[in-house]
């Protein structure tokens, strides 16, 4: 769907991890269309996968009767172009303010608890909260870097 030059792609699926690769393909395709480079695609992919895994595992608690909703919105005419991603589950939600710090010494060896930290690290803007439709929602934005402004390049 296209609104005012923006492209919107919406996915809805049951709480199954088999959908992760499909979501990744859609994410890569949409991000590439607004000029995001391979590095950005990789980090967006990590963030999207973490969100969808959290929605299935923690939000919907693996309940196949509950759905995950993913929406990609591009603003190719903006300067810089950006990709906004919404991931919503149908779970009870959580308070993001009480998440454990994954870098605290007592948490360094834990096998989980880094997803939200990674999402915040890789994306330019992240907001979490209860969705108006119910469930928990994460909104993430990644902006395209102007040519020559890529981190780590001269």
Protein backbone atom coordinates (compact mmCIF):
# COMPACT_ATOMS: atom_id res chain seq x y z
CA UNK A 1 0.00 0.00 0.00
CA UNK A 2 1.27 3.51 -0.72
CA UNK A 3 0.22 6.63 1.18
CA UNK A 4 1.66 10.04 0.19
CA UNK A 5 4.75 8.34 -1.28
CA UNK A 6 5.10 6.18 1.82
CA UNK A 7 4.98 2.42 1.44
CA UNK A 8 3.19 0.36 4.10
CA UNK A 9 3.53 -3.41 4.37
CA UNK A 10 1.53 -5.23 7.05
CA UNK A 11 2.05 -8.82 8.17
CA UNK A 12 -0.10 -10.83 10.57
CA UNK A 13 0.72 -14.38 11.60
CA UNK A 14 0.27 -16.90 14.41
CA UNK A 15 2.85 -17.23 17.17
CA UNK A 16 5.22 -19.53 15.36
CA UNK A 17 8.98 -19.13 14.97
CA UNK A 18 8.76 -20.54 11.44
CA UNK A 19 7.70 -17.04 10.31
CA UNK A 20 11.02 -15.42 11.30
CA UNK A 21 12.72 -15.99 7.95
CA UNK A 22 9.72 -14.63 6.03
CA UNK A 23 9.65 -11.48 8.19
CA UNK A 24 13.40 -11.12 7.55
CA UNK A 25 12.92 -11.31 3.77
CA UNK A 26 10.20 -8.64 3.88
CA UNK A 27 12.31 -6.44 6.18
CA UNK A 28 15.34 -6.66 3.87
CA UNK A 29 13.26 -5.92 0.78
CA UNK A 30 11.51 -2.88 2.28
CA UNK A 31 14.73 -1.46 3.77
CA UNK A 32 16.66 -1.90 0.52
CA UNK A 33 13.96 0.02 -1.41
CA UNK A 34 14.73 3.23 0.50
CA UNK A 35 18.48 2.89 0.05
CA UNK A 36 19.62 1.38 3.33
CA UNK A 37 22.99 -0.34 2.96
CA UNK A 38 23.90 -3.95 3.78
CA UNK A 39 25.15 -3.06 7.27
CA UNK A 40 21.88 -1.31 8.11
CA UNK A 41 19.91 -4.26 6.71
CA UNK A 42 21.82 -6.62 8.98
CA UNK A 43 21.21 -4.58 12.15
CA UNK A 44 17.56 -3.96 11.27
CA UNK A 45 17.19 -7.70 10.72
CA UNK A 46 18.64 -8.43 14.17
CA UNK A 47 16.29 -5.89 15.78
CA UNK A 48 13.20 -7.18 13.93
CA UNK A 49 14.01 -10.81 14.75
CA UNK A 50 14.49 -9.93 18.44
CA UNK A 51 11.14 -8.12 18.48
CA UNK A 52 9.27 -10.94 16.79
CA UNK A 53 10.90 -13.58 19.02
CA UNK A 54 9.93 -11.54 22.10
CA UNK A 55 6.37 -11.13 20.81
CA UNK A 56 6.00 -14.88 20.26
CA UNK A 57 7.89 -16.13 23.33
CA UNK A 58 7.18 -13.54 26.02
CA UNK A 59 4.14 -11.63 24.73
CA UNK A 60 1.97 -14.38 23.31
CA UNK A 61 3.70 -17.12 25.31
CA UNK A 62 3.76 -19.37 22.24
CA UNK A 63 -0.05 -19.45 22.07
CA UNK A 64 -0.91 -20.38 18.46
CA UNK A 65 -4.30 -18.74 18.94
CA UNK A 66 -2.61 -15.34 19.34
CA UNK A 67 -1.13 -13.32 16.51
CA UNK A 68 1.92 -11.16 15.91
CA UNK A 69 1.52 -8.02 13.81
CA UNK A 70 4.45 -6.44 11.98
CA UNK A 71 4.13 -3.23 10.01
CA UNK A 72 6.84 -1.63 7.87
CA UNK A 73 6.37 2.00 6.79
CA UNK A 74 8.88 3.73 4.57
CA UNK A 75 9.22 7.46 4.03
CA UNK A 76 11.38 7.53 0.90
CA UNK A 77 10.74 11.24 0.24
CA UNK A 78 11.87 12.30 3.73
CA UNK A 79 15.39 13.59 4.21
CA UNK A 80 16.93 11.26 5.20
CA UNK A 81 14.61 8.43 4.11
CA UNK A 82 13.51 6.27 7.02
CA UNK A 83 11.96 2.95 7.85
CA UNK A 84 9.51 2.69 10.74
CA UNK A 85 8.69 -0.79 12.05
CA UNK A 86 5.91 -1.70 14.47
CA UNK A 87 5.80 -5.12 16.11
CA UNK A 88 2.76 -5.92 18.25
CA UNK A 89 1.70 -9.01 20.15
CA UNK A 90 -1.55 -9.94 21.91
CA UNK A 91 -0.01 -10.54 25.32
CA UNK A 92 -0.40 -8.87 28.69
CA UNK A 93 2.59 -6.57 28.21
CA UNK A 94 5.36 -5.47 30.53
CA UNK A 95 6.80 -2.29 32.00
CA UNK A 96 9.95 -1.41 30.00
CA UNK A 97 11.18 0.70 32.93
CA UNK A 98 11.74 -2.44 35.05
CA UNK A 99 13.88 -4.38 32.56
CA UNK A 100 17.11 -5.68 34.05
CA UNK A 101 20.31 -4.03 32.83
CA UNK A 102 22.04 -6.69 30.66
CA UNK A 103 25.41 -5.03 31.30
CA UNK A 104 25.14 -5.26 35.09
CA UNK A 105 27.72 -7.72 36.48
CA UNK A 106 25.04 -10.07 37.85
CA UNK A 107 23.43 -10.32 34.38
CA UNK A 108 26.50 -10.73 32.15
CA UNK A 109 26.40 -14.53 32.12
CA UNK A 110 22.63 -14.89 31.69
CA UNK A 111 21.57 -16.50 28.43
CA UNK A 112 18.67 -14.09 27.84
CA UNK A 113 17.66 -10.52 28.55
CA UNK A 114 19.63 -8.69 25.87
CA UNK A 115 17.00 -8.36 23.12
CA UNK A 116 15.64 -4.93 24.07
CA UNK A 117 19.21 -3.69 24.68
CA UNK A 118 20.22 -4.83 21.16
CA UNK A 119 17.13 -3.27 19.60
CA UNK A 120 17.86 0.07 21.28
CA UNK A 121 21.50 -0.14 20.18
CA UNK A 122 20.85 -0.92 16.51
CA UNK A 123 17.90 1.36 15.78
CA UNK A 124 17.80 5.19 15.70
CA UNK A 125 14.61 5.52 17.74
CA UNK A 126 12.71 2.96 19.84
CA UNK A 127 9.43 3.34 21.73
CA UNK A 128 7.65 0.62 23.70
CA UNK A 129 4.24 0.56 25.27
CA UNK A 130 0.77 -0.87 25.37
CA UNK A 131 -0.91 -0.77 21.97
CA UNK A 132 -4.32 0.84 21.53
CA UNK A 133 -5.50 -2.45 19.95
CA UNK A 134 -4.26 -4.39 22.98
CA UNK A 135 -0.98 -6.19 23.56
CA UNK A 136 2.51 -4.77 23.67
CA UNK A 137 3.99 -2.75 20.82
CA UNK A 138 7.50 -1.74 19.87
CA UNK A 139 8.02 1.05 17.34
CA UNK A 140 11.49 1.33 15.82
CA UNK A 141 12.94 3.75 13.29
CA UNK A 142 16.06 3.43 11.17
CA UNK A 143 17.19 6.38 9.06
CA UNK A 144 19.25 6.03 5.89
CA UNK A 145 22.75 7.52 6.20
CA UNK A 146 23.61 10.08 3.52
CA UNK A 147 26.37 8.84 1.20
CA UNK A 148 29.77 9.20 2.82
CA UNK A 149 28.32 9.44 6.36
CA UNK A 150 28.47 5.74 7.14
CA UNK A 151 29.93 5.02 10.58
CA UNK A 152 33.47 3.69 10.49
CA UNK A 153 34.26 5.04 7.02
CA UNK A 154 36.55 7.92 6.05
